[in-house]
Amino acid sequence: MTVATVATTHTKKLVKLGRSLFRWGFNSSKCKMQAKMAVARIKLLRNKRQAVVKQMRRDIALLLQSGQDATARIRVEHVIREQNVLAANEFIELFCELVVSRLSIIAKQRECPADLKEGIASLIFASPRCSEIPELVELRNIF
């Protein structure tokens, strides 16, 4: 390796770092794609979870009819947990749709618009906690 190639490599790395730090390289098409993919994944997960919750409710009814109250209570706790996850996923879906609809505003401004701060902050907060939605990690890296 010559000195020139090493210097060029280091310069490219510094430029890339500078763009990421100062948000010169905001890629709106990648952001839009990841947000739409997250919405699609959330819809699939919602359908799957709703089917599981529906089946669990039937099982709980059968357990109550057979007098197994303790087991039914445990299953009810699981149903409540699943419903909470469904509600959280709804919020994430709404925030992703908000980002997609306001993407032109985000791309034009240097700082995050005030009305989008809650939504974007929520997506960033949810990304490590929602491992079944890997698109959120990509969105976090974009923002």
N, C-alpha and C. Protein backbone atom coordinates (compact mmCIF):
# COMPACT_ATOMS: atom_id res chain seq x y z
N MET A 1 0.83 -1.18 0.00
CA MET A 1 0.00 0.00 0.00
C MET A 1 0.87 1.24 0.00
N THR A 2 0.49 2.15 -0.81
CA THR A 2 1.23 3.40 -0.84
C THR A 2 0.65 4.38 0.17
N VAL A 3 1.37 5.41 0.39
CA VAL A 3 0.93 6.44 1.33
C VAL A 3 -0.35 7.11 0.81
N ALA A 4 -0.43 7.27 -0.49
CA ALA A 4 -1.60 7.94 -1.08
C ALA A 4 -2.87 7.12 -0.87
N THR A 5 -2.79 5.80 -1.03
CA THR A 5 -3.98 4.98 -0.84
C THR A 5 -4.41 4.94 0.61
N VAL A 6 -3.45 4.90 1.52
CA VAL A 6 -3.78 4.92 2.95
C VAL A 6 -4.44 6.24 3.31
N ALA A 7 -3.89 7.34 2.81
CA ALA A 7 -4.47 8.66 3.08
C ALA A 7 -5.87 8.77 2.51
N THR A 8 -6.07 8.23 1.32
CA THR A 8 -7.39 8.26 0.70
C THR A 8 -8.39 7.45 1.51
N THR A 9 -7.98 6.31 1.99
CA THR A 9 -8.86 5.46 2.80
C THR A 9 -9.25 6.17 4.09
N HIS A 10 -8.27 6.78 4.75
CA HIS A 10 -8.56 7.49 5.99
C HIS A 10 -9.46 8.70 5.74
N THR A 11 -9.24 9.38 4.62
CA THR A 11 -10.07 10.54 4.29
C THR A 11 -11.51 10.11 4.06
N LYS A 12 -11.70 9.01 3.35
CA LYS A 12 -13.06 8.52 3.10
C LYS A 12 -13.76 8.16 4.40
N LYS A 13 -13.03 7.54 5.32
CA LYS A 13 -13.61 7.18 6.61
C LYS A 13 -14.00 8.42 7.40
N LEU A 14 -13.15 9.44 7.38
CA LEU A 14 -13.45 10.68 8.10
C LEU A 14 -14.65 11.40 7.50
N VAL A 15 -14.74 11.41 6.18
CA VAL A 15 -15.88 12.05 5.52
C VAL A 15 -17.17 11.32 5.88
N LYS A 16 -17.12 10.01 5.88
CA LYS A 16 -18.30 9.22 6.23
C LYS A 16 -18.70 9.48 7.68
N LEU A 17 -17.73 9.54 8.57
CA LEU A 17 -18.01 9.83 9.98
C LEU A 17 -18.59 11.23 10.13
N GLY A 18 -18.02 12.19 9.42
CA GLY A 18 -18.52 13.57 9.48
C GLY A 18 -19.94 13.68 8.97
N ARG A 19 -20.25 12.98 7.90
CA ARG A 19 -21.62 13.01 7.37
C ARG A 19 -22.60 12.40 8.34
N SER A 20 -22.20 11.32 9.00
CA SER A 20 -23.11 10.71 9.95
C SER A 20 -23.29 11.58 11.18
N LEU A 21 -22.24 12.28 11.59
CA LEU A 21 -22.34 13.15 12.76
C LEU A 21 -23.18 14.39 12.48
N PHE A 22 -23.04 14.94 11.30
CA PHE A 22 -23.72 16.19 10.99
C PHE A 22 -24.95 15.99 10.12
N ARG A 23 -25.33 14.74 9.89
CA ARG A 23 -26.56 14.39 9.21
C ARG A 23 -26.61 14.90 7.78
N TRP A 24 -25.48 15.01 7.13
CA TRP A 24 -25.48 15.40 5.74
C TRP A 24 -25.94 14.26 4.86
N GLY A 25 -25.79 13.08 5.34
CA GLY A 25 -26.09 11.92 4.53
C GLY A 25 -27.42 11.28 4.88
N PHE A 26 -28.43 12.06 5.26
CA PHE A 26 -29.73 11.48 5.59
C PHE A 26 -30.32 10.88 4.33
N ASN A 27 -30.63 9.61 4.39
CA ASN A 27 -31.14 8.89 3.23
C ASN A 27 -32.64 8.70 3.42
N SER A 28 -33.43 9.57 2.79
CA SER A 28 -34.88 9.51 2.99
C SER A 28 -35.50 8.28 2.36
N SER A 29 -34.95 7.80 1.26
CA SER A 29 -35.52 6.61 0.62
C SER A 29 -35.31 5.37 1.49
N LYS A 30 -34.13 5.27 2.12
CA LYS A 30 -33.87 4.14 3.01
C LYS A 30 -34.77 4.22 4.24
N CYS A 31 -34.96 5.42 4.76
CA CYS A 31 -35.83 5.61 5.92
C CYS A 31 -37.26 5.20 5.58
N LYS A 32 -37.73 5.63 4.42
CA LYS A 32 -39.09 5.30 4.00
C LYS A 32 -39.26 3.80 3.83
N MET A 33 -38.27 3.17 3.21
CA MET A 33 -38.34 1.73 2.99
C MET A 33 -38.37 0.97 4.31
N GLN A 34 -37.50 1.33 5.25
CA GLN A 34 -37.44 0.64 6.54
C GLN A 34 -38.73 0.85 7.33
N ALA A 35 -39.28 2.06 7.30
CA ALA A 35 -40.52 2.33 8.03
C ALA A 35 -41.68 1.53 7.44
N LYS A 36 -41.75 1.46 6.12
CA LYS A 36 -42.82 0.68 5.49
C LYS A 36 -42.65 -0.81 5.76
N MET A 37 -41.41 -1.28 5.76
CA MET A 37 -41.18 -2.69 6.08
C MET A 37 -41.54 -2.99 7.53
N ALA A 38 -41.26 -2.05 8.42
CA ALA A 38 -41.63 -2.23 9.83
C ALA A 38 -43.15 -2.31 9.97
N VAL A 39 -43.87 -1.47 9.25
CA VAL A 39 -45.34 -1.50 9.30
C VAL A 39 -45.85 -2.85 8.80
N ALA A 40 -45.29 -3.34 7.71
CA ALA A 40 -45.71 -4.64 7.18
C ALA A 40 -45.42 -5.76 8.17
N ARG A 41 -44.26 -5.72 8.80
CA ARG A 41 -43.92 -6.76 9.78
C ARG A 41 -44.85 -6.69 11.00
N ILE A 42 -45.17 -5.48 11.43
CA ILE A 42 -46.07 -5.32 12.58
C ILE A 42 -47.44 -5.88 12.26
N LYS A 43 -47.91 -5.67 11.03
CA LYS A 43 -49.22 -6.22 10.65
C LYS A 43 -49.20 -7.75 10.67
N LEU A 44 -48.10 -8.34 10.20
CA LEU A 44 -47.98 -9.80 10.26
C LEU A 44 -47.95 -10.30 11.70
N LEU A 45 -47.18 -9.61 12.53
CA LEU A 45 -47.10 -10.00 13.94
C LEU A 45 -48.44 -9.84 14.64
N ARG A 46 -49.17 -8.78 14.27
CA ARG A 46 -50.48 -8.55 14.88
C ARG A 46 -51.43 -9.70 14.56
N ASN A 47 -51.47 -10.10 13.29
CA ASN A 47 -52.35 -11.21 12.91
C ASN A 47 -51.98 -12.48 13.66
N LYS A 48 -50.69 -12.74 13.77
CA LYS A 48 -50.23 -13.94 14.47
C LYS A 48 -50.60 -13.89 15.95
N ARG A 49 -50.34 -12.75 16.60
CA ARG A 49 -50.65 -12.62 18.03
C ARG A 49 -52.15 -12.66 18.29
N GLN A 50 -52.94 -12.07 17.41
CA GLN A 50 -54.39 -12.10 17.60
C GLN A 50 -54.92 -13.52 17.51
N ALA A 51 -54.37 -14.31 16.61
CA ALA A 51 -54.79 -15.71 16.52
C ALA A 51 -54.40 -16.47 17.78
N VAL A 52 -53.21 -16.20 18.31
CA VAL A 52 -52.77 -16.86 19.54
C VAL A 52 -53.66 -16.47 20.71
N VAL A 53 -53.98 -15.18 20.81
CA VAL A 53 -54.83 -14.70 21.91
C VAL A 53 -56.22 -15.31 21.82
N LYS A 54 -56.74 -15.40 20.61
CA LYS A 54 -58.07 -15.99 20.42
C LYS A 54 -58.09 -17.45 20.88
N GLN A 55 -57.06 -18.20 20.51
CA GLN A 55 -56.97 -19.60 20.91
C GLN A 55 -56.80 -19.72 22.42
N MET A 56 -56.00 -18.84 23.00
CA MET A 56 -55.78 -18.90 24.44
C MET A 56 -57.06 -18.59 25.21
N ARG A 57 -57.88 -17.69 24.69
CA ARG A 57 -59.16 -17.39 25.34
C ARG A 57 -60.08 -18.61 25.33
N ARG A 58 -60.06 -19.33 24.21
CA ARG A 58 -60.85 -20.57 24.16
C ARG A 58 -60.35 -21.57 25.20
N ASP A 59 -59.02 -21.69 25.28
CA ASP A 59 -58.43 -22.61 26.26
C ASP A 59 -58.78 -22.20 27.69
N ILE A 60 -58.79 -20.90 27.95
CA ILE A 60 -59.13 -20.41 29.29
C ILE A 60 -60.57 -20.75 29.62
N ALA A 61 -61.46 -20.60 28.65
CA ALA A 61 -62.87 -20.94 28.88
C ALA A 61 -63.01 -22.42 29.22
N LEU A 62 -62.28 -23.26 28.50
CA LEU A 62 -62.34 -24.70 28.78
C LEU A 62 -61.77 -25.02 30.16
N LEU A 63 -60.68 -24.34 30.52
CA LEU A 63 -60.09 -24.57 31.84
C LEU A 63 -61.04 -24.15 32.96
N LEU A 64 -61.73 -23.03 32.76
CA LEU A 64 -62.68 -22.58 33.78
C LEU A 64 -63.87 -23.53 33.89
N GLN A 65 -64.31 -24.07 32.76
CA GLN A 65 -65.42 -25.02 32.79
C GLN A 65 -65.03 -26.31 33.51
N SER A 66 -63.76 -26.69 33.37
CA SER A 66 -63.31 -27.92 34.01
C SER A 66 -62.85 -27.70 35.45
N GLY A 67 -62.91 -26.44 35.92
CA GLY A 67 -62.58 -26.16 37.32
C GLY A 67 -61.11 -25.95 37.61
N GLN A 68 -60.31 -25.72 36.61
CA GLN A 68 -58.87 -25.50 36.80
C GLN A 68 -58.59 -24.00 36.84
N ASP A 69 -59.01 -23.38 37.94
CA ASP A 69 -58.91 -21.92 38.06
C ASP A 69 -57.47 -21.42 38.12
N ALA A 70 -56.60 -22.12 38.81
CA ALA A 70 -55.21 -21.67 38.95
C ALA A 70 -54.51 -21.63 37.59
N THR A 71 -54.71 -22.66 36.80
CA THR A 71 -54.10 -22.70 35.46
C THR A 71 -54.70 -21.62 34.57
N ALA A 72 -56.00 -21.40 34.72
CA ALA A 72 -56.67 -20.36 33.92
C ALA A 72 -56.12 -18.98 34.26
N ARG A 73 -55.84 -18.73 35.53
CA ARG A 73 -55.29 -17.42 35.93
C ARG A 73 -53.92 -17.18 35.29
N ILE A 74 -53.11 -18.21 35.25
CA ILE A 74 -51.79 -18.09 34.63
C ILE A 74 -51.93 -17.76 33.14
N ARG A 75 -52.86 -18.43 32.50
CA ARG A 75 -53.08 -18.17 31.07
C ARG A 75 -53.65 -16.77 30.83
N VAL A 76 -54.49 -16.30 31.75
CA VAL A 76 -55.05 -14.95 31.62
C VAL A 76 -53.93 -13.91 31.69
N GLU A 77 -52.98 -14.13 32.58
CA GLU A 77 -51.83 -13.21 32.67
C GLU A 77 -51.07 -13.17 31.35
N HIS A 78 -50.94 -14.32 30.72
CA HIS A 78 -50.24 -14.37 29.43
C HIS A 78 -51.05 -13.63 28.36
N VAL A 79 -52.37 -13.79 28.38
CA VAL A 79 -53.22 -13.09 27.41
C VAL A 79 -53.08 -11.58 27.60
N ILE A 80 -53.09 -11.13 28.84
CA ILE A 80 -52.95 -9.70 29.11
C ILE A 80 -51.60 -9.18 28.60
N ARG A 81 -50.55 -9.96 28.81
CA ARG A 81 -49.23 -9.57 28.33
C ARG A 81 -49.22 -9.46 26.80
N GLU A 82 -49.84 -10.42 26.14
CA GLU A 82 -49.91 -10.39 24.67
C GLU A 82 -50.70 -9.18 24.19
N GLN A 83 -51.79 -8.85 24.88
CA GLN A 83 -52.58 -7.68 24.49
C GLN A 83 -51.79 -6.39 24.69
N ASN A 84 -50.97 -6.33 25.72
CA ASN A 84 -50.13 -5.16 25.93
C ASN A 84 -49.10 -5.02 24.81
N VAL A 85 -48.54 -6.13 24.38
CA VAL A 85 -47.59 -6.10 23.27
C VAL A 85 -48.29 -5.65 21.99
N LEU A 86 -49.52 -6.13 21.78
CA LEU A 86 -50.29 -5.70 20.61
C LEU A 86 -50.53 -4.19 20.64
N ALA A 87 -50.87 -3.65 21.80
CA ALA A 87 -51.10 -2.21 21.92
C ALA A 87 -49.81 -1.42 21.65
N ALA A 88 -48.69 -1.91 22.17
CA ALA A 88 -47.41 -1.23 21.94
C ALA A 88 -47.04 -1.27 20.45
N ASN A 89 -47.30 -2.40 19.81
CA ASN A 89 -47.01 -2.51 18.38
C ASN A 89 -47.88 -1.56 17.57
N GLU A 90 -49.11 -1.32 18.03
CA GLU A 90 -49.97 -0.35 17.34
C GLU A 90 -49.36 1.04 17.37
N PHE A 91 -48.83 1.43 18.54
CA PHE A 91 -48.19 2.73 18.64
C PHE A 91 -46.98 2.81 17.71
N ILE A 92 -46.19 1.76 17.69
CA ILE A 92 -45.01 1.75 16.82
C ILE A 92 -45.42 1.87 15.36
N GLU A 93 -46.49 1.16 15.00
CA GLU A 93 -46.99 1.23 13.63
C GLU A 93 -47.43 2.65 13.28
N LEU A 94 -48.16 3.28 14.20
CA LEU A 94 -48.61 4.66 13.95
C LEU A 94 -47.43 5.61 13.81
N PHE A 95 -46.41 5.44 14.63
CA PHE A 95 -45.25 6.33 14.54
C PHE A 95 -44.47 6.09 13.25
N CYS A 96 -44.39 4.84 12.80
CA CYS A 96 -43.73 4.56 11.51
C CYS A 96 -44.50 5.21 10.36
N GLU A 97 -45.82 5.12 10.40
CA GLU A 97 -46.64 5.74 9.36
C GLU A 97 -46.50 7.26 9.41
N LEU A 98 -46.37 7.82 10.61
CA LEU A 98 -46.17 9.26 10.75
C LEU A 98 -44.84 9.68 10.12
N VAL A 99 -43.80 8.90 10.35
CA VAL A 99 -42.50 9.21 9.76
C VAL A 99 -42.59 9.16 8.24
N VAL A 100 -43.27 8.16 7.70
CA VAL A 100 -43.39 8.05 6.24
C VAL A 100 -44.16 9.25 5.68
N SER A 101 -45.23 9.64 6.35
CA SER A 101 -46.04 10.74 5.82
C SER A 101 -45.33 12.09 5.92
N ARG A 102 -44.46 12.26 6.89
CA ARG A 102 -43.76 13.54 7.07
C ARG A 102 -42.30 13.47 6.65
N LEU A 103 -41.97 12.51 5.83
CA LEU A 103 -40.57 12.32 5.46
C LEU A 103 -40.00 13.51 4.69
N SER A 104 -40.81 14.15 3.88
CA SER A 104 -40.31 15.31 3.13
C SER A 104 -39.92 16.44 4.07
N ILE A 105 -40.66 16.61 5.16
CA ILE A 105 -40.34 17.64 6.15
C ILE A 105 -39.05 17.29 6.87
N ILE A 106 -38.91 16.01 7.23
CA ILE A 106 -37.71 15.56 7.95
C ILE A 106 -36.47 15.76 7.08
N ALA A 107 -36.58 15.43 5.80
CA ALA A 107 -35.43 15.52 4.90
C ALA A 107 -34.99 16.96 4.66
N LYS A 108 -35.94 17.89 4.66
CA LYS A 108 -35.61 19.29 4.37
C LYS A 108 -34.97 20.01 5.55
N GLN A 109 -35.36 19.65 6.76
CA GLN A 109 -34.89 20.38 7.93
C GLN A 109 -33.64 19.74 8.51
N ARG A 110 -32.81 20.57 9.09
CA ARG A 110 -31.58 20.08 9.69
C ARG A 110 -31.85 19.42 11.04
N GLU A 111 -32.79 19.97 11.79
CA GLU A 111 -33.16 19.40 13.09
C GLU A 111 -34.53 18.76 12.99
N CYS A 112 -34.80 17.90 13.92
CA CYS A 112 -36.07 17.18 13.95
C CYS A 112 -37.21 18.15 14.26
N PRO A 113 -38.29 18.13 13.47
CA PRO A 113 -39.43 18.99 13.77
C PRO A 113 -40.04 18.63 15.13
N ALA A 114 -40.58 19.64 15.81
CA ALA A 114 -41.08 19.45 17.17
C ALA A 114 -42.22 18.44 17.23
N ASP A 115 -43.09 18.43 16.23
CA ASP A 115 -44.23 17.51 16.27
C ASP A 115 -43.84 16.06 16.00
N LEU A 116 -42.63 15.84 15.51
CA LEU A 116 -42.17 14.47 15.23
C LEU A 116 -41.22 13.92 16.28
N LYS A 117 -40.81 14.77 17.22
CA LYS A 117 -39.82 14.32 18.21
C LYS A 117 -40.33 13.15 19.03
N GLU A 118 -41.59 13.19 19.45
CA GLU A 118 -42.12 12.10 20.27
C GLU A 118 -42.13 10.79 19.49
N GLY A 119 -42.59 10.84 18.24
CA GLY A 119 -42.66 9.63 17.44
C GLY A 119 -41.30 9.03 17.15
N ILE A 120 -40.36 9.87 16.76
CA ILE A 120 -39.02 9.38 16.44
C ILE A 120 -38.31 8.89 17.70
N ALA A 121 -38.48 9.62 18.80
CA ALA A 121 -37.87 9.19 20.06
C ALA A 121 -38.46 7.86 20.51
N SER A 122 -39.75 7.66 20.30
CA SER A 122 -40.39 6.40 20.67
C SER A 122 -39.87 5.25 19.83
N LEU A 123 -39.67 5.49 18.54
CA LEU A 123 -39.12 4.44 17.68
C LEU A 123 -37.69 4.09 18.09
N ILE A 124 -36.90 5.09 18.43
CA ILE A 124 -35.53 4.85 18.88
C ILE A 124 -35.54 4.08 20.20
N PHE A 125 -36.45 4.45 21.11
CA PHE A 125 -36.55 3.78 22.40
C PHE A 125 -36.99 2.33 22.23
N ALA A 126 -37.91 2.09 21.30
CA ALA A 126 -38.47 0.75 21.13
C ALA A 126 -37.54 -0.20 20.38
N SER A 127 -36.60 0.34 19.63
CA SER A 127 -35.79 -0.52 18.77
C SER A 127 -35.05 -1.64 19.50
N PRO A 128 -34.38 -1.40 20.63
CA PRO A 128 -33.72 -2.54 21.28
C PRO A 128 -34.69 -3.44 22.05
N ARG A 129 -35.88 -2.94 22.33
CA ARG A 129 -36.84 -3.70 23.14
C ARG A 129 -37.75 -4.58 22.30
N CYS A 130 -37.87 -4.28 21.02
CA CYS A 130 -38.73 -5.05 20.12
C CYS A 130 -37.85 -5.84 19.16
N SER A 131 -37.34 -6.94 19.64
CA SER A 131 -36.39 -7.71 18.83
C SER A 131 -37.06 -8.37 17.63
N GLU A 132 -38.39 -8.52 17.67
CA GLU A 132 -39.07 -9.15 16.54
C GLU A 132 -39.28 -8.19 15.37
N ILE A 133 -38.88 -6.91 15.54
CA ILE A 133 -38.99 -5.92 14.47
C ILE A 133 -37.59 -5.35 14.21
N PRO A 134 -36.78 -6.05 13.42
CA PRO A 134 -35.39 -5.59 13.21
C PRO A 134 -35.30 -4.29 12.41
N GLU A 135 -36.36 -3.91 11.72
CA GLU A 135 -36.34 -2.66 10.96
C GLU A 135 -36.21 -1.44 11.87
N LEU A 136 -36.64 -1.59 13.11
CA LEU A 136 -36.53 -0.47 14.05
C LEU A 136 -35.07 -0.14 14.36
N VAL A 137 -34.22 -1.16 14.38
CA VAL A 137 -32.79 -0.92 14.61
C VAL A 137 -32.22 -0.10 13.45
N GLU A 138 -32.63 -0.43 12.24
CA GLU A 138 -32.17 0.33 11.07
C GLU A 138 -32.68 1.76 11.13
N LEU A 139 -33.94 1.94 11.53
CA LEU A 139 -34.47 3.30 11.67
C LEU A 139 -33.70 4.08 12.73
N ARG A 140 -33.36 3.43 13.82
CA ARG A 140 -32.58 4.09 14.87
C ARG A 140 -31.23 4.54 14.31
N ASN A 141 -30.60 3.70 13.51
CA ASN A 141 -29.31 4.07 12.92
C ASN A 141 -29.45 5.22 11.93
N ILE A 142 -30.58 5.30 11.25
CA ILE A 142 -30.80 6.38 10.29
C ILE A 142 -30.96 7.71 11.02
N PHE A 143 -31.70 7.69 12.13
CA PHE A 143 -31.95 8.94 12.86
C PHE A 143 -30.79 9.23 13.78
